[in-house]
Amino acid sequence: MKPVRLPAAATLALPRWGLFVLALLYILPGLFGRDPWKNDDAGSFGIMWTMAHGGIADWLAPHVAGLPMPQEGPFAFWIGAFCIKLFGPLMGDVMASRVAAIGFFLLGTLSVWYATYLLGRRAEAQPLRLAFGGQPEPLDYGRTLADGAVLIYLGFLGLLVHSHSSTAGALQVALVAFILYTAARLFDTRSMRMTIALGLALGVSVLTRGLVVPIGLGAAILALAAMRDRALLPRLLLVALPLAILLPAAWALACSLMQPFDRMPVSDWLDWNARMLSWPAWEPFKYFMKNGIWFAWPAWPFAGWAVYAWRKQFGALHIALPLLFFNVVAVLAILDPVADENILLPLLPPLAMLAAFGLPTMKRGAINAVDWFSVMTLTTCAAFIWVGWIAKQTGWPVQLARNAFKLAPGFRPEFSWVAFLVAAAATAGWFVLVNWRISRRPQVLWRAVVLSSGGVILCWLLLMTLWLPWGNYMKSYAGVAQQIAHSLPPVRNCVSSDVGPAQRASFAFFGQIPFARFTSMRCDFLLLQDKSRVGAGDEPLLKHAGDNWLLLWEGHRPSDRDERFRLFRRVP
């Protein structure tokens, strides 16, 4: 028997304007006024920027100003580089690259909505008919579940930073959602157009973050088709599979013919793919369990309950499809020896869909518990953000102000009326939302996650308005890049360096540092990165730099005590 029994009042759709406003409040903060931050964001921007201002070889072989990036497929950076070339003259290269992030977000969000809607209107997903009528219509039920899935998707703590950065992970998670949508549509209609779309999506996914996840998802779709609808197998094998192979093969052929920079980037990329799987080990499993709890909040309680509530209907497509995707990606994440957040991103779209089908079966007490946890936790976080900002601006509370300036020595607070008013309006809106949820006690399904999503969006918006100058000061290399540029003479041939992708991208963009490319040219300048505790005249550094180098400059970001940069000039 189906576990769902609902009145029609529970399937009132979320107002379109409300969903649209939440999406805008989610994606826009953090795109404007933010420098490329250290680690993946700056490094990925560096690849896009290098492509946009380079030639065909730069587009074929991803690199950051001459630093090879064999672990990165090119497709996400092609889109970012195209946006830079198209919009860069109007809005600057950094903001232009983030137009791609907006596109990735829209693709992922719309795919989650439509995939859940298609599955939610199927006959096996419908609630039981009530004795005297009044049960929801299939389309209304599917639309309400889709609204809930989008709210859950917007509330993922693990998606926040990635969806606002220029990384390939932002496109990968959107492609997983789109593959889910095409699979759901394919099982509904057996459409040739959806078969082609599925093949292209798998091929693009290969060119985005490697072979492992697309192969796993393709195998899952084939297995599900073999169990549910064998008539789909010829189309999948003869149309979707060749298209999935065609796109990566075209890139590999172009690289083989062009041999960009006299290198074979495909070989390095394949070597990286081979290292993405290993035998089961304790460390990846521990990372998965430890970080998956917060990364996938608030979805996993609802998703777990959905699996339990629908345990007698595992064959139903609305459970089988997202559950199979989740299991495949979870196994691949556990087998990945490199424990980082990128391995968790593909889990989010199927988990959001599963969680949506847990909403109709969740007990009222459990829903209220999640709501109160969200209200208390996220309101506390928002209050702390406000209090910390006030301390930073006024010096009171004294201890908070001292801690903030201790982390960022030399930082000078800035006050912006626009940022303040936006943050104040968002906070007022949060209290209106909480009051509506507590006083009205609505029956609609999406009530269980609207506070979680709204609170996460509020905290992110506060951070990206009130604390954005502080964040740029803490995480941007713009200041260091300008210091290095001022220490170099106006005419210089090239700079050799061992800095990482984020630093290299920031120095090349903000300081116009001419780093040595792939050739073995002799450079007159050397830029080294090391631990700050190593002195400029210590033997390890002299040994590395050589005896014929003169120290021109040394420095570091004020907020980072663990790294120091030193610039040398070759002495004739």
Protein backbone atom coordinates (compact mmCIF):
# COMPACT_ATOMS: atom_id res chain seq x y z
CA MET A 1 0.00 0.00 0.00
CA LYS A 2 1.19 3.52 -0.75
CA PRO A 3 2.36 5.42 2.32
CA VAL A 4 0.84 8.77 1.28
CA ARG A 5 -2.62 10.10 2.16
CA LEU A 6 -3.08 13.84 1.55
CA PRO A 7 -5.85 16.43 1.11
CA ALA A 8 -5.70 18.80 -1.84
CA ALA A 9 -4.90 21.69 0.53
CA ALA A 10 -1.46 20.17 1.12
CA THR A 11 -0.46 20.64 -2.52
CA LEU A 12 -0.87 24.38 -2.92
CA ALA A 13 2.00 25.49 -5.10
CA LEU A 14 4.60 27.90 -3.83
CA PRO A 15 3.92 31.28 -5.49
CA ARG A 16 6.10 31.62 -8.58
CA TRP A 17 7.29 35.04 -7.49
CA GLY A 18 8.34 33.62 -4.12
CA LEU A 19 10.40 30.87 -5.71
CA PHE A 20 11.92 33.35 -8.16
CA VAL A 21 12.87 35.78 -5.36
CA LEU A 22 14.47 32.99 -3.32
CA ALA A 23 16.50 31.91 -6.35
CA LEU A 24 17.71 35.48 -6.95
CA LEU A 25 18.58 35.96 -3.28
CA TYR A 26 20.51 32.71 -3.45
CA ILE A 27 22.61 33.19 -6.57
CA LEU A 28 23.25 36.94 -6.83
CA PRO A 29 25.02 37.60 -3.49
CA GLY A 30 28.62 36.57 -3.80
CA LEU A 31 28.83 37.23 -7.54
CA PHE A 32 29.18 41.02 -7.36
CA GLY A 33 32.15 42.74 -5.77
CA ARG A 34 33.97 39.56 -4.81
CA ASP A 35 37.52 38.89 -5.94
CA PRO A 36 38.49 35.36 -7.03
CA TRP A 37 39.28 33.77 -3.68
CA LYS A 38 42.10 31.37 -2.91
CA ASN A 39 41.97 27.66 -3.77
CA ASP A 40 39.57 26.38 -6.44
CA ASP A 41 37.76 29.63 -7.23
CA ALA A 42 40.82 31.64 -8.23
CA GLY A 43 42.47 28.68 -9.97
CA SER A 44 39.38 27.97 -12.08
CA PHE A 45 39.04 31.63 -12.99
CA GLY A 46 42.69 31.54 -14.04
CA ILE A 47 41.98 28.76 -16.54
CA MET A 48 39.03 30.68 -18.02
CA TRP A 49 41.00 33.93 -18.18
CA THR A 50 43.98 32.20 -19.82
CA MET A 51 41.71 30.65 -22.45
CA ALA A 52 39.86 33.89 -23.13
CA HIS A 53 43.09 35.80 -23.77
CA GLY A 54 44.94 32.98 -25.52
CA GLY A 55 44.85 30.95 -28.68
CA ILE A 56 43.51 27.56 -29.73
CA ALA A 57 46.22 25.72 -27.78
CA ASP A 58 45.09 27.40 -24.55
CA TRP A 59 41.52 26.21 -25.20
CA LEU A 60 42.58 22.62 -25.83
CA ALA A 61 44.97 22.20 -22.88
CA PRO A 62 43.62 23.78 -19.64
CA HIS A 63 46.33 25.66 -17.77
CA VAL A 64 46.78 28.66 -15.49
CA ALA A 65 49.25 31.06 -17.12
CA GLY A 66 51.52 28.16 -18.07
CA LEU A 67 50.80 25.86 -15.11
CA PRO A 68 49.25 22.63 -16.53
CA MET A 69 45.95 21.53 -15.00
CA PRO A 70 45.54 17.94 -16.24
CA GLN A 71 42.90 17.18 -13.60
CA GLU A 72 40.48 19.62 -15.21
CA GLY A 73 38.31 18.81 -18.19
CA PRO A 74 37.92 21.79 -20.50
CA PHE A 75 34.17 22.18 -21.00
CA ALA A 76 33.22 24.31 -17.98
CA PHE A 77 36.16 26.59 -18.71
CA TRP A 78 35.20 26.88 -22.37
CA ILE A 79 31.87 28.32 -21.24
CA GLY A 80 33.52 30.67 -18.76
CA ALA A 81 36.09 31.82 -21.31
CA PHE A 82 33.35 32.45 -23.87
CA CYS A 83 31.49 34.58 -21.27
CA ILE A 84 34.68 36.55 -20.61
CA LYS A 85 35.17 37.25 -24.32
CA LEU A 86 31.50 38.18 -24.72
CA PHE A 87 30.83 40.18 -21.54
CA GLY A 88 34.33 41.03 -20.29
CA PRO A 89 34.53 44.46 -21.97
CA LEU A 90 31.20 45.41 -20.36
CA MET A 91 31.50 44.11 -16.80
CA GLY A 92 35.10 43.02 -16.31
CA ASP A 93 36.61 39.57 -16.65
CA VAL A 94 35.83 38.40 -13.10
CA MET A 95 32.13 39.20 -13.23
CA ALA A 96 31.88 37.99 -16.82
CA SER A 97 33.22 34.58 -15.80
CA ARG A 98 30.46 34.35 -13.20
CA VAL A 99 27.79 34.63 -15.86
CA ALA A 100 28.69 30.99 -16.46
CA ALA A 101 28.01 30.24 -12.78
CA ILE A 102 24.54 31.77 -13.14
CA GLY A 103 23.91 29.53 -16.16
CA PHE A 104 25.08 26.43 -14.30
CA PHE A 105 22.80 27.30 -11.36
CA LEU A 106 19.78 27.78 -13.63
CA LEU A 107 20.46 24.48 -15.40
CA GLY A 108 20.71 22.57 -12.13
CA THR A 109 17.69 24.21 -10.48
CA LEU A 110 15.38 23.83 -13.47
CA SER A 111 16.49 20.23 -13.98
CA VAL A 112 15.74 19.34 -10.35
CA TRP A 113 12.31 20.98 -10.61
CA TYR A 114 11.27 19.33 -13.88
CA ALA A 115 12.68 15.91 -13.00
CA THR A 116 10.78 15.87 -9.69
CA TYR A 117 7.65 17.16 -11.42
CA LEU A 118 7.77 14.37 -14.02
CA LEU A 119 8.26 11.69 -11.40
CA GLY A 120 5.73 13.19 -8.99
CA ARG A 121 2.85 13.14 -11.47
CA ARG A 122 3.31 9.44 -12.27
CA ALA A 123 0.47 7.13 -11.16
CA GLU A 124 2.61 5.08 -8.73
CA ALA A 125 3.67 8.24 -6.89
CA GLN A 126 0.15 9.55 -6.28
CA PRO A 127 -1.34 9.56 -2.76
CA LEU A 128 -4.17 7.23 -1.84
CA ARG A 129 -7.64 8.36 -2.79
CA LEU A 130 -9.67 9.67 0.14
CA ALA A 131 -13.00 8.07 1.01
CA PHE A 132 -15.01 11.21 0.21
CA GLY A 133 -12.71 12.68 -2.40
CA GLY A 134 -10.62 15.81 -2.03
CA GLN A 135 -7.25 14.24 -2.82
CA PRO A 136 -4.85 16.35 -4.93
CA GLU A 137 -4.72 16.21 -8.70
CA PRO A 138 -1.59 14.53 -10.17
CA LEU A 139 -0.28 17.75 -11.74
CA ASP A 140 -0.77 19.74 -8.52
CA TYR A 141 0.92 17.01 -6.51
CA GLY A 142 3.88 16.85 -8.88
CA ARG A 143 4.27 20.63 -8.91
CA THR A 144 4.26 20.83 -5.12
CA LEU A 145 6.88 18.10 -4.83
CA ALA A 146 8.99 19.92 -7.43
CA ASP A 147 8.78 23.13 -5.39
CA GLY A 148 9.91 21.20 -2.32
CA ALA A 149 12.84 19.66 -4.22
CA VAL A 150 14.03 23.11 -5.35
CA LEU A 151 13.80 24.48 -1.81
CA ILE A 152 15.89 21.55 -0.59
CA TYR A 153 18.36 22.10 -3.42
CA LEU A 154 18.72 25.77 -2.48
CA GLY A 155 19.21 24.82 1.16
CA PHE A 156 22.17 22.50 0.66
CA LEU A 157 25.03 23.76 2.79
CA GLY A 158 27.56 22.01 0.56
CA LEU A 159 26.34 23.67 -2.62
CA LEU A 160 26.57 27.28 -1.45
CA VAL A 161 30.21 28.06 -2.14
CA HIS A 162 30.50 25.84 -5.22
CA SER A 163 27.47 27.34 -6.95
CA HIS A 164 28.99 30.83 -6.57
CA SER A 165 32.45 29.95 -7.84
CA SER A 166 33.96 29.37 -11.27
CA THR A 167 34.80 25.70 -10.70
CA ALA A 168 33.94 22.72 -12.87
CA GLY A 169 32.08 21.25 -9.89
CA ALA A 170 29.29 23.81 -10.35
CA LEU A 171 28.69 22.50 -13.88
CA GLN A 172 29.06 18.87 -12.83
CA VAL A 173 26.28 19.04 -10.24
CA ALA A 174 24.02 20.79 -12.77
CA LEU A 175 24.74 18.08 -15.35
CA VAL A 176 23.90 15.32 -12.87
CA ALA A 177 20.54 17.03 -12.32
CA PHE A 178 20.02 17.36 -16.09
CA ILE A 179 20.89 13.69 -16.64
CA LEU A 180 18.27 12.81 -14.01
CA TYR A 181 15.74 14.94 -15.88
CA THR A 182 16.50 13.39 -19.28
CA ALA A 183 16.30 9.89 -17.78
CA ALA A 184 12.92 10.62 -16.16
CA ARG A 185 11.61 12.07 -19.40
CA LEU A 186 12.99 9.15 -21.40
CA PHE A 187 11.21 6.57 -19.27
CA ASP A 188 8.01 8.58 -19.72
CA THR A 189 8.07 9.19 -23.46
CA ARG A 190 10.90 7.12 -25.05
CA SER A 191 11.65 10.31 -26.94
CA MET A 192 14.51 10.31 -29.45
CA ARG A 193 15.17 13.94 -28.56
CA MET A 194 15.66 12.99 -24.90
CA THR A 195 17.92 10.11 -25.95
CA ILE A 196 20.12 12.55 -27.84
CA ALA A 197 20.06 14.99 -24.92
CA LEU A 198 21.07 12.23 -22.51
CA GLY A 199 24.02 11.19 -24.68
CA LEU A 200 25.22 14.77 -25.07
CA ALA A 201 24.87 15.42 -21.33
CA LEU A 202 26.96 12.35 -20.51
CA GLY A 203 29.61 13.43 -23.01
CA VAL A 204 29.72 16.97 -21.62
CA SER A 205 29.99 15.52 -18.11
CA VAL A 206 33.04 13.51 -19.18
CA LEU A 207 34.66 16.73 -20.44
CA THR A 208 33.78 18.46 -17.17
CA ARG A 209 34.98 16.28 -14.29
CA GLY A 210 36.22 13.06 -15.81
CA LEU A 211 35.03 9.61 -16.80
CA VAL A 212 34.09 7.98 -13.50
CA VAL A 213 30.77 9.63 -12.61
CA PRO A 214 29.32 9.69 -16.19
CA ILE A 215 30.20 6.00 -16.67
CA GLY A 216 28.54 5.16 -13.35
CA LEU A 217 25.38 7.12 -14.19
CA GLY A 218 25.21 5.68 -17.70
CA ALA A 219 25.51 2.16 -16.33
CA ALA A 220 22.76 2.93 -13.79
CA ILE A 221 20.39 4.10 -16.55
CA LEU A 222 21.14 1.00 -18.64
CA ALA A 223 20.50 -1.27 -15.65
CA LEU A 224 17.23 0.48 -14.86
CA ALA A 225 16.13 0.25 -18.48
CA ALA A 226 16.96 -3.48 -18.52
CA MET A 227 14.71 -3.98 -15.49
CA ARG A 228 11.84 -1.63 -16.40
CA ASP A 229 11.72 -0.98 -20.14
CA ARG A 230 13.94 -3.08 -22.41
CA ALA A 231 12.64 -1.27 -25.47
CA LEU A 232 14.86 1.65 -24.44
CA LEU A 233 18.06 -0.37 -24.57
CA PRO A 234 18.62 -0.16 -28.37
CA ARG A 235 18.27 3.62 -28.30
CA LEU A 236 20.56 3.97 -25.33
CA LEU A 237 23.22 1.71 -26.82
CA LEU A 238 22.99 2.90 -30.43
CA VAL A 239 22.29 6.64 -29.94
CA ALA A 240 23.08 7.88 -26.42
CA LEU A 241 26.28 5.87 -25.93
CA PRO A 242 27.92 6.90 -29.25
CA LEU A 243 27.07 10.55 -28.58
CA ALA A 244 28.56 10.30 -25.08
CA ILE A 245 31.78 8.98 -26.62
CA LEU A 246 31.81 11.40 -29.56
CA LEU A 247 32.39 14.64 -27.63
CA PRO A 248 35.41 13.47 -25.59
CA ALA A 249 36.77 11.70 -28.66
CA ALA A 250 36.56 14.93 -30.68
CA TRP A 251 38.55 16.79 -28.01
CA ALA A 252 41.12 13.98 -27.85
CA LEU A 253 41.47 14.01 -31.65
CA ALA A 254 41.92 17.78 -31.73
CA CYS A 255 44.61 17.55 -29.05
CA SER A 256 46.34 14.75 -30.95
CA LEU A 257 46.40 16.77 -34.17
CA MET A 258 47.34 20.12 -32.62
CA GLN A 259 49.60 18.87 -29.80
CA PRO A 260 49.20 22.13 -27.86
CA PHE A 261 52.50 23.37 -26.39
CA ASP A 262 54.10 20.14 -27.68
CA ARG A 263 52.22 18.24 -24.98
CA MET A 264 49.55 15.54 -24.86
CA PRO A 265 46.99 16.85 -22.35
CA VAL A 266 44.70 13.87 -22.95
CA SER A 267 47.33 11.44 -21.61
CA ASP A 268 47.73 13.49 -18.43
CA TRP A 269 43.95 13.73 -18.11
CA LEU A 270 43.56 9.95 -18.49
CA ASP A 271 46.23 9.40 -15.83
CA TRP A 272 44.25 11.62 -13.48
CA ASN A 273 41.06 9.66 -14.24
CA ALA A 274 42.84 6.41 -13.41
CA ARG A 275 43.67 7.78 -9.95
CA MET A 276 40.05 8.59 -9.17
CA LEU A 277 39.27 5.00 -8.13
CA SER A 278 41.06 2.75 -5.70
CA TRP A 279 40.35 -0.12 -3.36
CA PRO A 280 38.07 0.65 -0.39
CA ALA A 281 39.95 2.43 2.38
CA TRP A 282 39.07 3.80 5.77
CA GLU A 283 40.04 7.46 5.15
CA PRO A 284 37.71 8.11 2.16
CA PHE A 285 34.86 6.36 3.98
CA LYS A 286 35.47 8.42 7.13
CA TYR A 287 35.56 11.62 5.08
CA PHE A 288 32.31 10.65 3.35
CA MET A 289 30.46 9.97 6.59
CA LYS A 290 31.90 12.91 8.53
CA ASN A 291 31.40 15.60 5.90
CA GLY A 292 28.30 14.21 4.20
CA ILE A 293 26.20 15.01 7.28
CA TRP A 294 26.59 18.78 7.01
CA PHE A 295 27.20 18.83 3.24
CA ALA A 296 23.81 17.28 2.47
CA TRP A 297 21.75 19.07 5.14
CA PRO A 298 18.72 19.46 5.18
CA ALA A 299 18.00 16.69 2.65
CA TRP A 300 19.27 13.52 4.27
CA PRO A 301 16.63 13.22 7.07
CA PHE A 302 13.82 13.52 4.52
CA ALA A 303 15.59 11.29 1.98
CA GLY A 304 16.22 8.60 4.57
CA TRP A 305 12.59 8.69 5.62
CA ALA A 306 11.47 8.50 1.98
CA VAL A 307 13.48 5.31 1.48
CA TYR A 308 11.93 3.80 4.60
CA ALA A 309 8.37 4.94 3.85
CA TRP A 310 8.48 3.69 0.23
CA ARG A 311 10.38 0.48 1.05
CA LYS A 312 7.60 -1.68 -0.41
CA GLN A 313 7.61 0.31 -3.67
CA PHE A 314 11.31 0.37 -4.50
CA GLY A 315 10.45 -0.53 -8.09
CA ALA A 316 8.50 2.73 -8.56
CA LEU A 317 10.47 5.04 -10.81
CA HIS A 318 10.22 8.07 -8.50
CA ILE A 319 12.18 6.11 -5.87
CA ALA A 320 14.24 3.76 -8.03
CA LEU A 321 15.78 6.42 -10.28
CA PRO A 322 17.12 8.92 -7.70
CA LEU A 323 18.00 6.14 -5.23
CA LEU A 324 20.02 4.27 -7.85
CA PHE A 325 21.83 7.48 -8.86
CA PHE A 326 22.58 8.27 -5.22
CA ASN A 327 23.91 4.78 -4.47
CA VAL A 328 26.15 4.72 -7.54
CA VAL A 329 27.63 8.14 -6.82
CA ALA A 330 28.04 7.33 -3.12
CA VAL A 331 30.03 4.19 -3.93
CA LEU A 332 32.22 6.12 -6.37
CA ALA A 333 32.82 8.81 -3.74
CA ILE A 334 33.89 6.23 -1.17
CA LEU A 335 36.26 4.62 -3.69
CA ASP A 336 37.86 7.95 -4.58
CA PRO A 337 41.19 8.20 -2.70
CA VAL A 338 41.19 12.02 -2.93
CA ALA A 339 38.91 13.16 -0.13
CA ASP A 340 37.53 16.59 -1.00
CA GLU A 341 34.15 18.23 -1.45
CA ASN A 342 34.07 17.65 -5.22
CA ILE A 343 33.34 13.96 -4.69
CA LEU A 344 30.21 14.86 -2.70
CA LEU A 345 28.66 17.30 -5.19
CA PRO A 346 27.06 14.68 -7.53
CA LEU A 347 25.13 13.31 -4.53
CA LEU A 348 23.02 16.44 -4.15
CA PRO A 349 20.50 16.36 -7.08
CA PRO A 350 19.29 12.77 -6.51
CA LEU A 351 19.24 13.40 -2.76
CA ALA A 352 17.06 16.51 -3.21
CA MET A 353 14.61 14.51 -5.31
CA LEU A 354 14.49 11.64 -2.84
CA ALA A 355 13.95 14.10 0.00
CA ALA A 356 11.02 15.67 -1.86
CA PHE A 357 9.23 12.30 -1.90
CA GLY A 358 9.84 12.02 1.82
CA LEU A 359 7.91 15.22 2.53
CA PRO A 360 4.39 13.71 2.12
CA THR A 361 5.21 10.81 4.45
CA MET A 362 7.09 12.70 7.18
CA LYS A 363 5.37 12.80 10.55
CA ARG A 364 4.28 16.19 11.84
CA GLY A 365 6.46 15.89 14.93
CA ALA A 366 9.56 15.22 12.82
CA ILE A 367 8.76 18.17 10.56
CA ASN A 368 8.34 20.46 13.55
CA ALA A 369 11.65 19.22 14.99
CA VAL A 370 13.49 20.03 11.75
CA ASP A 371 11.76 23.42 11.61
CA TRP A 372 12.71 24.37 15.16
CA PHE A 373 16.26 23.18 14.65
CA SER A 374 16.51 25.32 11.51
CA VAL A 375 14.98 28.37 13.20
CA MET A 376 17.18 28.19 16.28
CA THR A 377 20.42 27.32 14.48
CA LEU A 378 20.12 29.67 11.52
CA THR A 379 18.73 32.57 13.54
CA THR A 380 21.68 32.19 15.90
CA CYS A 381 24.09 32.17 12.95
CA ALA A 382 22.46 35.28 11.48
CA ALA A 383 22.59 37.04 14.86
CA PHE A 384 26.27 36.18 15.24
CA ILE A 385 26.98 37.57 11.77
CA TRP A 386 25.24 40.83 12.70
CA VAL A 387 26.95 41.11 16.10
CA GLY A 388 30.34 40.39 14.55
CA TRP A 389 29.77 43.07 11.92
CA ILE A 390 28.72 45.61 14.55
CA ALA A 391 31.85 44.76 16.55
CA LYS A 392 33.98 45.21 13.44
CA GLN A 393 32.40 48.60 12.72
CA THR A 394 32.20 50.05 16.26
CA GLY A 395 34.72 48.12 18.34
CA TRP A 396 31.99 46.72 20.63
CA PRO A 397 31.73 43.98 21.86
CA VAL A 398 35.44 44.43 22.48
CA GLN A 399 36.46 40.77 22.42
CA LEU A 400 34.71 40.05 19.13
CA ALA A 401 36.26 43.13 17.54
CA ARG A 402 39.71 42.12 18.80
CA ASN A 403 39.31 38.60 17.37
CA ALA A 404 38.14 39.91 13.97
CA PHE A 405 41.09 42.26 13.62
CA LYS A 406 43.48 39.65 14.95
CA LEU A 407 42.50 37.37 12.07
CA ALA A 408 42.86 40.22 9.57
CA PRO A 409 45.58 42.59 10.81
CA GLY A 410 45.58 45.88 8.98
CA PHE A 411 41.99 45.58 7.79
CA ARG A 412 40.03 48.82 7.71
CA PRO A 413 36.24 48.44 8.03
CA GLU A 414 34.07 49.81 5.27
CA PHE A 415 30.45 50.88 5.57
CA SER A 416 28.08 50.61 2.64
CA TRP A 417 24.51 51.82 2.89
CA VAL A 418 23.45 49.53 0.05
CA ALA A 419 24.89 46.43 1.75
CA PHE A 420 23.41 47.46 5.10
CA LEU A 421 19.91 48.06 3.72
CA VAL A 422 19.90 44.81 1.73
CA ALA A 423 21.03 42.86 4.79
CA ALA A 424 18.45 44.58 7.01
CA ALA A 425 15.64 43.90 4.53
CA ALA A 426 16.64 40.23 4.24
CA THR A 427 16.69 39.88 8.03
CA ALA A 428 13.24 41.44 8.32
CA GLY A 429 12.01 39.06 5.62
CA TRP A 430 13.38 36.13 7.62
CA PHE A 431 11.35 37.12 10.69
CA VAL A 432 8.23 37.52 8.53
CA LEU A 433 8.80 34.01 7.14
CA VAL A 434 9.28 32.51 10.60
CA ASN A 435 6.16 34.26 11.88
CA TRP A 436 4.13 32.96 8.91
CA ARG A 437 5.31 29.40 9.52
CA ILE A 438 4.64 29.48 13.27
CA SER A 439 1.38 31.44 13.32
CA ARG A 440 -0.34 30.02 10.23
CA ARG A 441 0.87 26.41 10.59
CA PRO A 442 0.26 25.73 6.88
CA GLN A 443 -0.41 22.22 5.63
CA VAL A 444 1.46 22.55 2.36
CA LEU A 445 4.21 19.97 1.81
CA TRP A 446 7.01 22.45 1.25
CA ARG A 447 6.48 24.01 4.70
CA ALA A 448 8.95 21.46 6.08
CA VAL A 449 11.93 22.89 4.19
CA VAL A 450 11.11 26.53 3.54
CA LEU A 451 12.69 27.63 6.83
CA SER A 452 15.84 25.60 6.26
CA SER A 453 16.32 27.05 2.79
CA GLY A 454 15.35 30.57 3.80
CA GLY A 455 17.74 30.56 6.75
CA VAL A 456 20.67 29.31 4.69
CA ILE A 457 20.00 31.96 2.05
CA LEU A 458 19.79 34.65 4.76
CA CYS A 459 23.14 33.71 6.31
CA TRP A 460 24.84 33.61 2.91
CA LEU A 461 23.37 36.97 1.94
CA LEU A 462 24.53 38.55 5.22
CA LEU A 463 28.04 37.21 4.70
CA MET A 464 28.18 38.43 1.11
CA THR A 465 26.97 41.95 2.02
CA LEU A 466 28.14 42.86 5.52
CA TRP A 467 31.31 40.76 5.52
CA LEU A 468 32.32 40.89 1.85
CA PRO A 469 35.13 43.48 2.26
CA TRP A 470 36.56 41.43 5.12
CA GLY A 471 36.27 38.25 3.02
CA ASN A 472 38.13 39.86 0.11
CA TYR A 473 40.85 41.02 2.49
CA MET A 474 41.17 37.53 3.97
CA LYS A 475 40.98 35.40 0.84
CA SER A 476 42.11 37.51 -2.13
CA TYR A 477 45.66 37.75 -3.47
CA ALA A 478 45.02 41.09 -5.18
CA GLY A 479 47.12 43.10 -2.70
CA VAL A 480 50.09 40.72 -2.90
CA ALA A 481 49.89 40.71 -6.70
CA GLN A 482 50.12 44.49 -6.81
CA GLN A 483 53.12 44.48 -4.47
CA ILE A 484 54.93 41.98 -6.71
CA ALA A 485 54.10 44.02 -9.82
CA HIS A 486 55.55 47.17 -8.22
CA SER A 487 58.75 45.29 -7.36
CA LEU A 488 59.34 44.24 -10.94
CA PRO A 489 60.92 46.59 -13.50
CA PRO A 490 58.72 47.86 -16.35
CA VAL A 491 60.55 45.61 -18.82
CA ARG A 492 60.91 41.92 -17.86
CA ASN A 493 61.07 38.82 -20.00
CA CYS A 494 59.39 36.24 -17.73
CA VAL A 495 59.04 35.02 -14.15
CA SER A 496 59.70 31.42 -13.14
CA SER A 497 57.65 30.26 -10.17
CA ASP A 498 56.51 27.34 -8.05
CA VAL A 499 53.28 28.94 -6.77
CA GLY A 500 49.99 27.06 -6.93
CA PRO A 501 47.07 27.60 -9.34
CA ALA A 502 45.14 30.11 -7.17
CA GLN A 503 48.20 32.27 -6.54
CA ARG A 504 49.41 32.07 -10.13
CA ALA A 505 45.99 33.06 -11.48
CA SER A 506 45.67 35.99 -9.07
CA PHE A 507 49.20 37.27 -9.72
CA ALA A 508 48.76 36.99 -13.49
CA PHE A 509 45.37 38.74 -13.46
CA PHE A 510 45.79 41.42 -10.78
CA GLY A 511 49.52 42.05 -11.27
CA GLN A 512 49.96 41.15 -14.94
CA ILE A 513 52.95 38.97 -13.94
CA PRO A 514 54.41 37.35 -17.11
CA PHE A 515 54.91 33.80 -15.88
CA ALA A 516 57.04 31.37 -17.86
CA ARG A 517 54.97 29.14 -20.07
CA PHE A 518 55.61 25.54 -21.07
CA THR A 519 58.89 26.31 -22.85
CA SER A 520 62.22 26.05 -21.05
CA MET A 521 63.04 29.72 -21.55
CA ARG A 522 65.58 31.38 -19.27
CA CYS A 523 63.84 33.85 -16.96
CA ASP A 524 65.47 36.77 -15.18
CA PHE A 525 63.07 36.59 -12.22
CA LEU A 526 62.08 33.84 -9.80
CA LEU A 527 59.01 33.86 -7.52
CA LEU A 528 58.97 31.26 -4.74
CA GLN A 529 56.32 30.24 -2.24
CA ASP A 530 57.31 28.72 1.09
CA LYS A 531 56.51 28.67 4.80
CA SER A 532 56.84 31.99 6.57
CA ARG A 533 59.13 30.56 9.21
CA VAL A 534 61.89 30.13 6.59
CA GLY A 535 64.14 33.20 6.58
CA ALA A 536 65.25 34.95 3.42
CA GLY A 537 68.86 34.01 4.00
CA ASP A 538 68.36 30.46 5.22
CA GLU A 539 70.29 27.71 3.51
CA PRO A 540 67.27 25.71 2.19
CA LEU A 541 65.99 28.71 0.25
CA LEU A 542 69.44 29.68 -1.07
CA LYS A 543 69.98 26.13 -2.21
CA HIS A 544 66.67 26.12 -4.04
CA ALA A 545 67.08 29.57 -5.55
CA GLY A 546 70.75 29.22 -6.43
CA ASP A 547 73.75 31.41 -5.68
CA ASN A 548 73.17 33.91 -8.48
CA TRP A 549 69.85 35.34 -7.31
CA LEU A 550 69.20 38.62 -5.50
CA LEU A 551 66.18 39.01 -3.23
CA LEU A 552 63.98 41.89 -4.47
CA TRP A 553 60.85 41.53 -2.36
CA GLU A 554 59.19 39.29 0.16
CA GLY A 555 55.70 39.40 1.60
CA HIS A 556 52.46 37.59 2.27
CA ARG A 557 48.78 38.21 2.77
CA PRO A 558 48.25 39.83 6.20
CA SER A 559 45.70 37.16 7.13
CA ASP A 560 47.85 34.15 6.25
CA ARG A 561 50.80 33.20 8.42
CA ASP A 562 51.49 29.90 6.69
CA GLU A 563 52.76 31.13 3.36
CA ARG A 564 55.29 33.69 2.18
CA PHE A 565 56.32 34.78 -1.28
CA ARG A 566 59.82 35.84 -2.28
CA LEU A 567 60.82 37.48 -5.56
CA PHE A 568 64.40 37.15 -6.85
CA ARG A 569 66.29 38.69 -9.76
CA ARG A 570 69.05 36.87 -11.58
CA VAL A 571 72.45 38.43 -10.97
CA PRO A 572 74.70 38.44 -14.09
